N, C-alpha and C. Protein backbone atom coordinates (compact mmCIF):
# COMPACT_ATOMS: atom_id res chain seq x y z
N MET A 1 -4.68 -73.53 39.53
CA MET A 1 -5.78 -73.83 38.64
C MET A 1 -5.36 -74.79 37.53
N GLN A 2 -4.23 -75.40 37.68
CA GLN A 2 -3.70 -76.29 36.64
C GLN A 2 -4.62 -77.46 36.33
N GLN A 3 -5.32 -77.96 37.32
CA GLN A 3 -6.18 -79.13 37.13
C GLN A 3 -7.60 -78.77 36.70
N VAL A 4 -7.93 -77.48 36.66
CA VAL A 4 -9.28 -77.05 36.30
C VAL A 4 -9.44 -77.13 34.78
N THR A 5 -10.41 -77.91 34.33
CA THR A 5 -10.65 -78.07 32.90
C THR A 5 -12.02 -77.56 32.48
N PHE A 6 -12.87 -77.25 33.43
CA PHE A 6 -14.23 -76.77 33.16
C PHE A 6 -14.64 -75.82 34.26
N MET A 7 -15.38 -74.79 33.89
CA MET A 7 -15.91 -73.90 34.90
C MET A 7 -17.29 -73.42 34.45
N SER A 8 -18.27 -73.66 35.28
CA SER A 8 -19.64 -73.21 34.98
C SER A 8 -19.76 -71.73 35.33
N SER A 9 -20.91 -71.18 35.01
CA SER A 9 -21.16 -69.78 35.36
C SER A 9 -21.13 -69.59 36.87
N MET A 10 -21.50 -70.62 37.62
CA MET A 10 -21.44 -70.54 39.07
C MET A 10 -19.99 -70.41 39.54
N GLY A 11 -19.09 -71.16 38.93
CA GLY A 11 -17.67 -71.07 39.28
C GLY A 11 -17.10 -69.70 38.96
N ILE A 12 -17.49 -69.16 37.82
CA ILE A 12 -17.05 -67.82 37.45
C ILE A 12 -17.59 -66.80 38.45
N GLY A 13 -18.84 -66.97 38.85
CA GLY A 13 -19.43 -66.09 39.85
C GLY A 13 -18.69 -66.15 41.17
N MET A 14 -18.26 -67.34 41.55
CA MET A 14 -17.51 -67.50 42.80
C MET A 14 -16.16 -66.78 42.71
N LEU A 15 -15.51 -66.85 41.56
CA LEU A 15 -14.25 -66.13 41.38
C LEU A 15 -14.47 -64.62 41.51
N VAL A 16 -15.51 -64.12 40.88
CA VAL A 16 -15.81 -62.69 40.94
C VAL A 16 -16.13 -62.28 42.38
N ASP A 17 -16.86 -63.13 43.10
CA ASP A 17 -17.17 -62.85 44.50
C ASP A 17 -15.89 -62.82 45.34
N ALA A 18 -14.99 -63.76 45.10
CA ALA A 18 -13.72 -63.78 45.83
C ALA A 18 -12.93 -62.51 45.56
N ARG A 19 -12.97 -62.06 44.33
CA ARG A 19 -12.26 -60.82 43.98
C ARG A 19 -12.87 -59.63 44.71
N SER A 20 -14.19 -59.58 44.76
CA SER A 20 -14.87 -58.48 45.45
C SER A 20 -14.52 -58.46 46.93
N ARG A 21 -14.51 -59.62 47.54
CA ARG A 21 -14.16 -59.71 48.97
C ARG A 21 -12.71 -59.31 49.20
N ALA A 22 -11.83 -59.76 48.32
CA ALA A 22 -10.41 -59.42 48.45
C ALA A 22 -10.21 -57.92 48.27
N SER A 23 -10.88 -57.36 47.29
CA SER A 23 -10.76 -55.93 47.02
C SER A 23 -11.20 -55.11 48.23
N GLY A 24 -12.23 -55.54 48.91
CA GLY A 24 -12.70 -54.85 50.10
C GLY A 24 -11.68 -54.86 51.23
N ARG A 25 -10.76 -55.80 51.15
CA ARG A 25 -9.70 -55.91 52.17
C ARG A 25 -8.35 -55.41 51.64
N LYS A 26 -8.41 -54.69 50.51
CA LYS A 26 -7.19 -54.16 49.87
C LYS A 26 -6.25 -55.29 49.43
N MET A 27 -6.83 -56.39 49.00
CA MET A 27 -6.07 -57.53 48.51
C MET A 27 -6.47 -57.78 47.06
N ARG A 28 -5.75 -58.66 46.39
CA ARG A 28 -6.12 -59.03 45.03
C ARG A 28 -6.01 -60.53 44.86
N VAL A 29 -6.68 -61.03 43.86
CA VAL A 29 -6.67 -62.46 43.57
C VAL A 29 -5.82 -62.68 42.34
N VAL A 30 -4.87 -63.59 42.44
CA VAL A 30 -4.03 -63.97 41.31
C VAL A 30 -4.34 -65.42 40.99
N LEU A 31 -4.71 -65.69 39.76
CA LEU A 31 -5.00 -67.06 39.32
C LEU A 31 -3.71 -67.62 38.73
N SER A 32 -3.21 -68.69 39.34
CA SER A 32 -1.90 -69.20 38.91
C SER A 32 -2.00 -70.57 38.25
N ASN A 33 -1.01 -70.83 37.41
CA ASN A 33 -0.90 -72.10 36.67
C ASN A 33 -2.20 -72.42 35.94
N VAL A 34 -2.77 -71.43 35.30
CA VAL A 34 -4.01 -71.60 34.55
C VAL A 34 -3.71 -72.38 33.27
N ALA A 35 -4.45 -73.47 33.08
CA ALA A 35 -4.29 -74.30 31.88
C ALA A 35 -4.73 -73.50 30.65
N ALA A 36 -4.22 -73.88 29.48
CA ALA A 36 -4.48 -73.14 28.24
C ALA A 36 -5.97 -72.99 27.94
N ASP A 37 -6.74 -74.06 28.11
CA ASP A 37 -8.18 -73.98 27.82
C ASP A 37 -8.89 -73.02 28.76
N MET A 38 -8.52 -73.05 30.03
CA MET A 38 -9.13 -72.14 31.00
C MET A 38 -8.68 -70.71 30.75
N ASP A 39 -7.44 -70.52 30.36
CA ASP A 39 -6.93 -69.19 30.04
C ASP A 39 -7.76 -68.61 28.89
N GLN A 40 -8.01 -69.41 27.89
CA GLN A 40 -8.81 -68.97 26.75
C GLN A 40 -10.23 -68.61 27.19
N LEU A 41 -10.84 -69.43 28.03
CA LEU A 41 -12.19 -69.15 28.53
C LEU A 41 -12.22 -67.86 29.33
N LEU A 42 -11.29 -67.69 30.26
CA LEU A 42 -11.26 -66.51 31.10
C LEU A 42 -11.07 -65.24 30.27
N ARG A 43 -10.25 -65.33 29.23
CA ARG A 43 -10.05 -64.17 28.35
C ARG A 43 -11.29 -63.91 27.50
N MET A 44 -11.96 -64.97 27.07
CA MET A 44 -13.15 -64.83 26.25
C MET A 44 -14.26 -64.09 27.00
N VAL A 45 -14.38 -64.35 28.30
CA VAL A 45 -15.41 -63.67 29.09
C VAL A 45 -14.84 -62.41 29.78
N LYS A 46 -13.69 -61.98 29.31
CA LYS A 46 -13.04 -60.73 29.74
C LYS A 46 -12.61 -60.69 31.20
N LEU A 47 -12.41 -61.85 31.81
CA LEU A 47 -11.95 -61.86 33.20
C LEU A 47 -10.47 -61.56 33.33
N ASP A 48 -9.76 -61.52 32.20
CA ASP A 48 -8.36 -61.09 32.25
C ASP A 48 -8.26 -59.61 32.60
N LYS A 49 -9.38 -58.89 32.47
CA LYS A 49 -9.42 -57.47 32.86
C LYS A 49 -9.66 -57.33 34.36
N VAL A 50 -10.13 -58.39 35.00
CA VAL A 50 -10.49 -58.37 36.41
C VAL A 50 -9.43 -59.05 37.28
N PHE A 51 -8.85 -60.12 36.76
CA PHE A 51 -7.86 -60.92 37.50
C PHE A 51 -6.50 -60.86 36.85
N THR A 52 -5.47 -61.06 37.63
CA THR A 52 -4.15 -61.34 37.10
C THR A 52 -4.12 -62.83 36.83
N ILE A 53 -3.90 -63.20 35.58
CA ILE A 53 -3.90 -64.60 35.17
C ILE A 53 -2.48 -65.00 34.81
N CYS A 54 -1.97 -66.01 35.49
CA CYS A 54 -0.61 -66.49 35.26
C CYS A 54 -0.67 -67.92 34.75
N THR A 55 -0.02 -68.16 33.63
CA THR A 55 -0.02 -69.51 33.07
C THR A 55 1.25 -70.28 33.41
N ASN A 56 2.22 -69.59 34.02
CA ASN A 56 3.46 -70.28 34.40
C ASN A 56 4.07 -69.61 35.64
N ASP A 57 5.09 -70.24 36.18
CA ASP A 57 5.70 -69.76 37.42
C ASP A 57 6.38 -68.40 37.25
N LYS A 58 6.96 -68.16 36.09
CA LYS A 58 7.63 -66.88 35.85
C LYS A 58 6.63 -65.74 35.94
N GLN A 59 5.48 -65.89 35.32
CA GLN A 59 4.44 -64.87 35.39
C GLN A 59 3.94 -64.70 36.82
N LEU A 60 3.81 -65.80 37.54
CA LEU A 60 3.34 -65.73 38.93
C LEU A 60 4.32 -64.96 39.81
N ARG A 61 5.61 -65.24 39.68
CA ARG A 61 6.61 -64.51 40.46
C ARG A 61 6.54 -63.01 40.18
N LYS A 62 6.39 -62.66 38.91
CA LYS A 62 6.29 -61.26 38.52
C LYS A 62 5.03 -60.61 39.11
N ALA A 63 3.90 -61.32 39.05
CA ALA A 63 2.64 -60.80 39.58
C ALA A 63 2.70 -60.59 41.09
N LEU A 64 3.37 -61.49 41.79
CA LEU A 64 3.43 -61.39 43.24
C LEU A 64 4.36 -60.26 43.72
N LYS A 65 5.24 -59.79 42.84
CA LYS A 65 6.13 -58.69 43.21
C LYS A 65 5.43 -57.35 43.15
N ARG A 66 4.30 -57.28 42.43
CA ARG A 66 3.57 -56.00 42.29
C ARG A 66 2.92 -55.59 43.56
């Protein structure tokens, strides 16, 4: 998600839908390399409670080990 600089409500809805589908298959969605502005947006709308959000490779490696 490093190149993502804007996300409409439709984009957020698509992320939530992807999470729902993954959850139904006992999988999870990890958002990686999230840019600072997008990280702030995702946290503002409380999606950090729904997704694992990684802003760097170290966080991603840790998330994938869970």
